[in-house]
Amino acid sequence: MKNTGIVRKVDELGRIVLPIELRRTMHIDVKDSLEIFVEGDQIVLRKYQPSCIFCGDAKDLIHYKNKNVCTNCAHELGVL
């Protein structure tokens, strides 16, 4: 994991602000959904992508190199 050097305080409603530079770098736009994960004592945010990045199918997805790919497209790509 890479340290950005950015520190933010949590407000009284439990919110934090993601800096615009980080949102631009990570392609996070207004109204985008983020998934929240817990890994040990760390909170991980990831842009929510519920379907295959190639065909848009939401069934039989695998997570390959931080992207969702359906098994059909994975076979076509030679991943499986």
PDB file of N, CA and C in Angstrom:
ATOM      1  N   MET A   1       0.841  -1.169   0.000  1.00  0.00           N
ATOM      2  CA  MET A   1       0.000   0.000   0.000  1.00  0.00           C
ATOM      3  C   MET A   1       0.890   1.237   0.000  1.00  0.00           C
ATOM      4  N   LYS A   2       0.495   2.262  -0.755  1.00  0.00           N
ATOM      5  CA  LYS A   2       1.293   3.477  -0.901  1.00  0.00           C
ATOM      6  C   LYS A   2       0.752   4.579   0.008  1.00  0.00           C
ATOM      7  N   ASN A   3       1.626   5.249   0.733  1.00  0.00           N
ATOM      8  CA  ASN A   3       1.243   6.342   1.611  1.00  0.00           C
ATOM      9  C   ASN A   3       1.132   7.626   0.796  1.00  0.00           C
ATOM     10  N   THR A   4      -0.016   8.317   0.906  1.00  0.00           N
ATOM     11  CA  THR A   4      -0.221   9.566   0.172  1.00  0.00           C
ATOM     12  C   THR A   4       0.211  10.777   0.974  1.00  0.00           C
ATOM     13  N   GLY A   5       0.359  10.623   2.294  1.00  0.00           N
ATOM     14  CA  GLY A   5       0.703  11.750   3.149  1.00  0.00           C
ATOM     15  C   GLY A   5      -0.482  12.639   3.477  1.00  0.00           C
ATOM     16  N   ILE A   6      -1.678  12.239   3.044  1.00  0.00           N
ATOM     17  CA  ILE A   6      -2.885  13.025   3.284  1.00  0.00           C
ATOM     18  C   ILE A   6      -3.519  12.566   4.592  1.00  0.00           C
ATOM     19  N   VAL A   7      -3.865  13.527   5.442  1.00  0.00           N
ATOM     20  CA  VAL A   7      -4.543  13.234   6.708  1.00  0.00           C
ATOM     21  C   VAL A   7      -5.840  14.029   6.738  1.00  0.00           C
ATOM     22  N   ARG A   8      -6.928  13.379   7.085  1.00  0.00           N
ATOM     23  CA  ARG A   8      -8.232  14.037   7.186  1.00  0.00           C
ATOM     24  C   ARG A   8      -8.864  13.673   8.518  1.00  0.00           C
ATOM     25  N   LYS A   9      -9.637  14.606   9.100  1.00  0.00           N
ATOM     26  CA  LYS A   9     -10.365  14.339  10.334  1.00  0.00           C
ATOM     27  C   LYS A   9     -11.777  13.870   9.992  1.00  0.00           C
ATOM     28  N   VAL A  10     -12.303  13.001  10.838  1.00  0.00           N
ATOM     29  CA  VAL A  10     -13.679  12.538  10.714  1.00  0.00           C
ATOM     30  C   VAL A  10     -14.573  13.579  11.364  1.00  0.00           C
ATOM     31  N   ASP A  11     -15.655  14.000  10.673  1.00  0.00           N
ATOM     32  CA  ASP A  11     -16.555  14.993  11.270  1.00  0.00           C
ATOM     33  C   ASP A  11     -17.553  14.324  12.215  1.00  0.00           C
ATOM     34  N   GLU A  12     -18.428  15.126  12.800  1.00  0.00           N
ATOM     35  CA  GLU A  12     -19.371  14.612  13.804  1.00  0.00           C
ATOM     36  C   GLU A  12     -20.367  13.597  13.242  1.00  0.00           C
ATOM     37  N   LEU A  13     -20.524  13.536  11.929  1.00  0.00           N
ATOM     38  CA  LEU A  13     -21.409  12.544  11.306  1.00  0.00           C
ATOM     39  C   LEU A  13     -20.641  11.334  10.781  1.00  0.00           C
ATOM     40  N   GLY A  14     -19.329  11.278  11.037  1.00  0.00           N
ATOM     41  CA  GLY A  14     -18.523  10.138  10.611  1.00  0.00           C
ATOM     42  C   GLY A  14     -18.010  10.248   9.190  1.00  0.00           C
ATOM     43  N   ARG A  15     -18.069  11.432   8.604  1.00  0.00           N
ATOM     44  CA  ARG A  15     -17.654  11.612   7.211  1.00  0.00           C
ATOM     45  C   ARG A  15     -16.210  12.080   7.117  1.00  0.00           C
ATOM     46  N   ILE A  16     -15.597  11.743   5.988  1.00  0.00           N
ATOM     47  CA  ILE A  16     -14.295  12.289   5.619  1.00  0.00           C
ATOM     48  C   ILE A  16     -14.408  12.811   4.191  1.00  0.00           C
ATOM     49  N   VAL A  17     -13.514  13.703   3.813  1.00  0.00           N
ATOM     50  CA  VAL A  17     -13.496  14.236   2.455  1.00  0.00           C
ATOM     51  C   VAL A  17     -12.293  13.655   1.727  1.00  0.00           C
ATOM     52  N   LEU A  18     -12.528  13.084   0.544  1.00  0.00           N
ATOM     53  CA  LEU A  18     -11.433  12.611  -0.302  1.00  0.00           C
ATOM     54  C   LEU A  18     -10.968  13.785  -1.157  1.00  0.00           C
ATOM     55  N   PRO A  19      -9.697  14.136  -1.103  1.00  0.00           N
ATOM     56  CA  PRO A  19      -9.195  15.278  -1.880  1.00  0.00           C
ATOM     57  C   PRO A  19      -9.418  15.088  -3.382  1.00  0.00           C
ATOM     58  N   ILE A  20      -9.647  16.200  -4.072  1.00  0.00           N
ATOM     59  CA  ILE A  20      -9.932  16.164  -5.505  1.00  0.00           C
ATOM     60  C   ILE A  20      -8.809  15.488  -6.291  1.00  0.00           C
ATOM     61  N   GLU A  21      -7.563  15.698  -5.886  1.00  0.00           N
ATOM     62  CA  GLU A  21      -6.438  15.080  -6.596  1.00  0.00           C
ATOM     63  C   GLU A  21      -6.539  13.560  -6.536  1.00  0.00           C
ATOM     64  N   LEU A  22      -6.899  13.037  -5.365  1.00  0.00           N
ATOM     65  CA  LEU A  22      -7.045  11.602  -5.191  1.00  0.00           C
ATOM     66  C   LEU A  22      -8.234  11.071  -5.988  1.00  0.00           C
ATOM     67  N   ARG A  23      -9.352  11.816  -5.963  1.00  0.00           N
ATOM     68  CA  ARG A  23     -10.530  11.391  -6.737  1.00  0.00           C
ATOM     69  C   ARG A  23     -10.239  11.376  -8.229  1.00  0.00           C
ATOM     70  N   ARG A  24      -9.504  12.364  -8.699  1.00  0.00           N
ATOM     71  CA  ARG A  24      -9.155  12.392 -10.131  1.00  0.00           C
ATOM     72  C   ARG A  24      -8.239  11.235 -10.493  1.00  0.00           C
ATOM     73  N   THR A  25      -7.234  10.995  -9.671  1.00  0.00           N
ATOM     74  CA  THR A  25      -6.285   9.914  -9.917  1.00  0.00           C
ATOM     75  C   THR A  25      -6.981   8.556  -9.944  1.00  0.00           C
ATOM     76  N   MET A  26      -7.943   8.371  -9.049  1.00  0.00           N
ATOM     77  CA  MET A  26      -8.638   7.083  -8.921  1.00  0.00           C
ATOM     78  C   MET A  26      -9.919   7.025  -9.747  1.00  0.00           C
ATOM     79  N   HIS A  27     -10.191   8.070 -10.547  1.00  0.00           N
ATOM     80  CA  HIS A  27     -11.383   8.130 -11.412  1.00  0.00           C
ATOM     81  C   HIS A  27     -12.665   7.953 -10.608  1.00  0.00           C
ATOM     82  N   ILE A  28     -12.753   8.650  -9.481  1.00  0.00           N
ATOM     83  CA  ILE A  28     -13.948   8.627  -8.643  1.00  0.00           C
ATOM     84  C   ILE A  28     -14.708   9.917  -8.906  1.00  0.00           C
ATOM     85  N   ASP A  29     -15.915   9.775  -9.451  1.00  0.00           N
ATOM     86  CA  ASP A  29     -16.735  10.933  -9.792  1.00  0.00           C
ATOM     87  C   ASP A  29     -17.846  11.116  -8.764  1.00  0.00           C
ATOM     88  N   VAL A  30     -18.495  12.281  -8.807  1.00  0.00           N
ATOM     89  CA  VAL A  30     -19.635  12.553  -7.940  1.00  0.00           C
ATOM     90  C   VAL A  30     -20.686  11.466  -8.160  1.00  0.00           C
ATOM     91  N   LYS A  31     -21.260  10.962  -7.088  1.00  0.00           N
ATOM     92  CA  LYS A  31     -22.303   9.925  -7.085  1.00  0.00           C
ATOM     93  C   LYS A  31     -21.769   8.513  -7.320  1.00  0.00           C
ATOM     94  N   ASP A  32     -20.455   8.338  -7.531  1.00  0.00           N
ATOM     95  CA  ASP A  32     -19.902   6.987  -7.646  1.00  0.00           C
ATOM     96  C   ASP A  32     -20.041   6.271  -6.305  1.00  0.00           C
ATOM     97  N   SER A  33     -20.238   4.979  -6.351  1.00  0.00           N
ATOM     98  CA  SER A  33     -20.326   4.175  -5.138  1.00  0.00           C
ATOM     99  C   SER A  33     -18.949   3.616  -4.801  1.00  0.00           C
ATOM    100  N   LEU A  34     -18.658   3.538  -3.514  1.00  0.00           N
ATOM    101  CA  LEU A  34     -17.415   2.955  -3.032  1.00  0.00           C
ATOM    102  C   LEU A  34     -17.733   1.771  -2.138  1.00  0.00           C
ATOM    103  N   GLU A  35     -16.971   0.689  -2.301  1.00  0.00           N
ATOM    104  CA  GLU A  35     -17.091  -0.463  -1.417  1.00  0.00           C
ATOM    105  C   GLU A  35     -16.173  -0.239  -0.227  1.00  0.00           C
ATOM    106  N   ILE A  36     -16.591  -0.711   0.943  1.00  0.00           N
ATOM    107  CA  ILE A  36     -15.793  -0.569   2.152  1.00  0.00           C
ATOM    108  C   ILE A  36     -15.417  -1.953   2.645  1.00  0.00           C
ATOM    109  N   PHE A  37     -14.106  -2.178   2.819  1.00  0.00           N
ATOM    110  CA  PHE A  37     -13.585  -3.449   3.298  1.00  0.00           C
ATOM    111  C   PHE A  37     -12.779  -3.215   4.561  1.00  0.00           C
ATOM    112  N   VAL A  38     -12.653  -4.249   5.372  1.00  0.00           N
ATOM    113  CA  VAL A  38     -11.783  -4.205   6.540  1.00  0.00           C
ATOM    114  C   VAL A  38     -10.755  -5.312   6.378  1.00  0.00           C
ATOM    115  N   GLU A  39      -9.475  -4.937   6.454  1.00  0.00           N
ATOM    116  CA  GLU A  39      -8.362  -5.887   6.398  1.00  0.00           C
ATOM    117  C   GLU A  39      -7.540  -5.704   7.667  1.00  0.00           C
ATOM    118  N   GLY A  40      -7.762  -6.568   8.633  1.00  0.00           N
ATOM    119  CA  GLY A  40      -7.082  -6.416   9.915  1.00  0.00           C
ATOM    120  C   GLY A  40      -7.536  -5.141  10.580  1.00  0.00           C
ATOM    121  N   ASP A  41      -6.605  -4.210  10.816  1.00  0.00           N
ATOM    122  CA  ASP A  41      -6.956  -2.938  11.451  1.00  0.00           C
ATOM    123  C   ASP A  41      -7.049  -1.793  10.439  1.00  0.00           C
ATOM    124  N   GLN A  42      -7.181  -2.128   9.144  1.00  0.00           N
ATOM    125  CA  GLN A  42      -7.243  -1.110   8.100  1.00  0.00           C
ATOM    126  C   GLN A  42      -8.612  -1.078   7.439  1.00  0.00           C
ATOM    127  N   ILE A  43      -9.045   0.122   7.056  1.00  0.00           N
ATOM    128  CA  ILE A  43     -10.267   0.314   6.275  1.00  0.00           C
ATOM    129  C   ILE A  43      -9.836   0.581   4.839  1.00  0.00           C
ATOM    130  N   VAL A  44     -10.399  -0.172   3.897  1.00  0.00           N
ATOM    131  CA  VAL A  44     -10.035  -0.044   2.485  1.00  0.00           C
ATOM    132  C   VAL A  44     -11.268   0.390   1.703  1.00  0.00           C
ATOM    133  N   LEU A  45     -11.130   1.445   0.905  1.00  0.00           N
ATOM    134  CA  LEU A  45     -12.196   1.906   0.022  1.00  0.00           C
ATOM    135  C   LEU A  45     -11.834   1.540  -1.408  1.00  0.00           C
ATOM    136  N   ARG A  46     -12.824   1.031  -2.152  1.00  0.00           N
ATOM    137  CA  ARG A  46     -12.583   0.686  -3.551  1.00  0.00           C
ATOM    138  C   ARG A  46     -13.809   1.093  -4.364  1.00  0.00           C
ATOM    139  N   LYS A  47     -13.581   1.645  -5.542  1.00  0.00           N
ATOM    140  CA  LYS A  47     -14.687   2.026  -6.407  1.00  0.00           C
ATOM    141  C   LYS A  47     -15.506   0.781  -6.736  1.00  0.00           C
ATOM    142  N   TYR A  48     -16.814   0.886  -6.559  1.00  0.00           N
ATOM    143  CA  TYR A  48     -17.708  -0.253  -6.757  1.00  0.00           C
ATOM    144  C   TYR A  48     -17.958  -0.466  -8.246  1.00  0.00           C
ATOM    145  N   GLN A  49     -17.620  -1.660  -8.727  1.00  0.00           N
ATOM    146  CA  GLN A  49     -17.860  -2.030 -10.123  1.00  0.00           C
ATOM    147  C   GLN A  49     -18.512  -3.407 -10.129  1.00  0.00           C
ATOM    148  N   PRO A  50     -19.844  -3.446 -10.169  1.00  0.00           N
ATOM    149  CA  PRO A  50     -20.547  -4.710  -9.987  1.00  0.00           C
ATOM    150  C   PRO A  50     -20.643  -5.598 -11.220  1.00  0.00           C
ATOM    151  N   SER A  51     -20.085  -5.201 -12.351  1.00  0.00           N
ATOM    152  CA  SER A  51     -20.239  -6.016 -13.558  1.00  0.00           C
ATOM    153  C   SER A  51     -18.915  -6.143 -14.306  1.00  0.00           C
ATOM    154  N   CYS A  52     -18.915  -7.028 -15.273  1.00  0.00           N
ATOM    155  CA  CYS A  52     -17.727  -7.275 -16.097  1.00  0.00           C
ATOM    156  C   CYS A  52     -17.329  -5.994 -16.835  1.00  0.00           C
ATOM    157  N   ILE A  53     -16.051  -5.671 -16.789  1.00  0.00           N
ATOM    158  CA  ILE A  53     -15.589  -4.443 -17.442  1.00  0.00           C
ATOM    159  C   ILE A  53     -15.630  -4.539 -18.965  1.00  0.00           C
ATOM    160  N   PHE A  54     -15.746  -5.753 -19.500  1.00  0.00           N
ATOM    161  CA  PHE A  54     -15.763  -5.927 -20.957  1.00  0.00           C
ATOM    162  C   PHE A  54     -17.172  -6.006 -21.529  1.00  0.00           C
ATOM    163  N   CYS A  55     -18.021  -6.862 -20.957  1.00  0.00           N
ATOM    164  CA  CYS A  55     -19.345  -7.079 -21.547  1.00  0.00           C
ATOM    165  C   CYS A  55     -20.499  -6.558 -20.689  1.00  0.00           C
ATOM    166  N   GLY A  56     -20.214  -6.195 -19.430  1.00  0.00           N
ATOM    167  CA  GLY A  56     -21.258  -5.670 -18.561  1.00  0.00           C
ATOM    168  C   GLY A  56     -22.069  -6.725 -17.832  1.00  0.00           C
ATOM    169  N   ASP A  57     -21.786  -8.001 -18.063  1.00  0.00           N
ATOM    170  CA  ASP A  57     -22.510  -9.089 -17.393  1.00  0.00           C
ATOM    171  C   ASP A  57     -22.195  -9.068 -15.903  1.00  0.00           C
ATOM    172  N   ALA A  58     -23.215  -9.312 -15.083  1.00  0.00           N
ATOM    173  CA  ALA A  58     -23.018  -9.289 -13.624  1.00  0.00           C
ATOM    174  C   ALA A  58     -22.993 -10.688 -13.026  1.00  0.00           C
ATOM    175  N   LYS A  59     -23.014 -11.726 -13.863  1.00  0.00           N
ATOM    176  CA  LYS A  59     -23.018 -13.105 -13.368  1.00  0.00           C
ATOM    177  C   LYS A  59     -21.637 -13.726 -13.481  1.00  0.00           C
ATOM    178  N   ASP A  60     -21.333 -14.628 -12.564  1.00  0.00           N
ATOM    179  CA  ASP A  60     -20.087 -15.417 -12.597  1.00  0.00           C
ATOM    180  C   ASP A  60     -18.844 -14.542 -12.721  1.00  0.00           C
ATOM    181  N   LEU A  61     -18.737 -13.539 -11.862  1.00  0.00           N
ATOM    182  CA  LEU A  61     -17.601 -12.623 -11.914  1.00  0.00           C
ATOM    183  C   LEU A  61     -16.416 -13.155 -11.123  1.00  0.00           C
ATOM    184  N   ILE A  62     -15.231 -12.868 -11.631  1.00  0.00           N
ATOM    185  CA  ILE A  62     -14.013 -13.115 -10.872  1.00  0.00           C
ATOM    186  C   ILE A  62     -13.297 -11.776 -10.756  1.00  0.00           C
ATOM    187  N   HIS A  63     -12.489 -11.625  -9.744  1.00  0.00           N
ATOM    188  CA  HIS A  63     -11.725 -10.394  -9.549  1.00  0.00           C
ATOM    189  C   HIS A  63     -10.318 -10.659 -10.079  1.00  0.00           C
ATOM    190  N   TYR A  64      -9.976 -10.015 -11.199  1.00  0.00           N
ATOM    191  CA  TYR A  64      -8.688 -10.230 -11.849  1.00  0.00           C
ATOM    192  C   TYR A  64      -7.964  -8.890 -11.990  1.00  0.00           C
ATOM    193  N   LYS A  65      -6.800  -8.770 -11.369  1.00  0.00           N
ATOM    194  CA  LYS A  65      -6.003  -7.538 -11.418  1.00  0.00           C
ATOM    195  C   LYS A  65      -6.844  -6.307 -11.076  1.00  0.00           C
ATOM    196  N   ASN A  66      -7.585  -6.422  -9.960  1.00  0.00           N
ATOM    197  CA  ASN A  66      -8.420  -5.340  -9.424  1.00  0.00           C
ATOM    198  C   ASN A  66      -9.573  -4.930 -10.350  1.00  0.00           C
ATOM    199  N   LYS A  67     -10.002  -5.822 -11.221  1.00  0.00           N
ATOM    200  CA  LYS A  67     -11.139  -5.566 -12.112  1.00  0.00           C
ATOM    201  C   LYS A  67     -12.078  -6.766 -12.072  1.00  0.00           C
ATOM    202  N   ASN A  68     -13.369  -6.509 -12.285  1.00  0.00           N
ATOM    203  CA  ASN A  68     -14.344  -7.596 -12.378  1.00  0.00           C
ATOM    204  C   ASN A  68     -14.426  -8.081 -13.821  1.00  0.00           C
ATOM    205  N   VAL A  69     -14.264  -9.382 -14.006  1.00  0.00           N
ATOM    206  CA  VAL A  69     -14.332  -9.996 -15.328  1.00  0.00           C
ATOM    207  C   VAL A  69     -15.215 -11.234 -15.206  1.00  0.00           C
ATOM    208  N   CYS A  70     -16.175 -11.389 -16.135  1.00  0.00           N
ATOM    209  CA  CYS A  70     -17.012 -12.589 -16.092  1.00  0.00           C
ATOM    210  C   CYS A  70     -16.203 -13.781 -16.607  1.00  0.00           C
ATOM    211  N   THR A  71     -16.639 -14.965 -16.278  1.00  0.00           N
ATOM    212  CA  THR A  71     -15.884 -16.159 -16.670  1.00  0.00           C
ATOM    213  C   THR A  71     -15.814 -16.314 -18.187  1.00  0.00           C
ATOM    214  N   ASN A  72     -16.863 -15.905 -18.901  1.00  0.00           N
ATOM    215  CA  ASN A  72     -16.832 -16.002 -20.371  1.00  0.00           C
ATOM    216  C   ASN A  72     -15.716 -15.137 -20.968  1.00  0.00           C
ATOM    217  N   CYS A  73     -15.637 -13.878 -20.519  1.00  0.00           N
ATOM    218  CA  CYS A  73     -14.594 -12.991 -21.030  1.00  0.00           C
ATOM    219  C   CYS A  73     -13.212 -13.457 -20.558  1.00  0.00           C
ATOM    220  N   ALA A  74     -13.124 -13.989 -19.352  1.00  0.00           N
ATOM    221  CA  ALA A  74     -11.848 -14.491 -18.849  1.00  0.00           C
ATOM    222  C   ALA A  74     -11.355 -15.647 -19.720  1.00  0.00           C
ATOM    223  N   HIS A  75     -12.286 -16.524 -20.154  1.00  0.00           N
ATOM    224  CA  HIS A  75     -11.907 -17.621 -21.053  1.00  0.00           C
ATOM    225  C   HIS A  75     -11.424 -17.074 -22.386  1.00  0.00           C
ATOM    226  N   GLU A  76     -12.146 -16.083 -22.933  1.00  0.00           N
ATOM    227  CA  GLU A  76     -11.744 -15.481 -24.210  1.00  0.00           C
ATOM    228  C   GLU A  76     -10.363 -14.835 -24.116  1.00  0.00           C
ATOM    229  N   LEU A  77     -10.057 -14.248 -22.965  1.00  0.00           N
ATOM    230  CA  LEU A  77      -8.766 -13.608 -22.771  1.00  0.00           C
ATOM    231  C   LEU A  77      -7.648 -14.589 -22.445  1.00  0.00           C
ATOM    232  N   GLY A  78      -8.026 -15.832 -22.182  1.00  0.00           N
ATOM    233  CA  GLY A  78      -7.050 -16.849 -21.827  1.00  0.00           C
ATOM    234  C   GLY A  78      -6.612 -16.789 -20.369  1.00  0.00           C
ATOM    235  N   VAL A  79      -7.387 -16.112 -19.550  1.00  0.00           N
ATOM    236  CA  VAL A  79      -7.080 -15.988 -18.128  1.00  0.00           C
ATOM    237  C   VAL A  79      -7.423 -17.272 -17.389  1.00  0.00           C
ATOM    238  N   LEU A  80      -8.493 -17.934 -17.795  1.00  0.00           N
ATOM    239  CA  LEU A  80      -8.908 -19.186 -17.161  1.00  0.00           C
ATOM    240  C   LEU A  80      -8.598 -20.366 -18.066  1.00  0.00           C
TER     241      LEU A  80
END
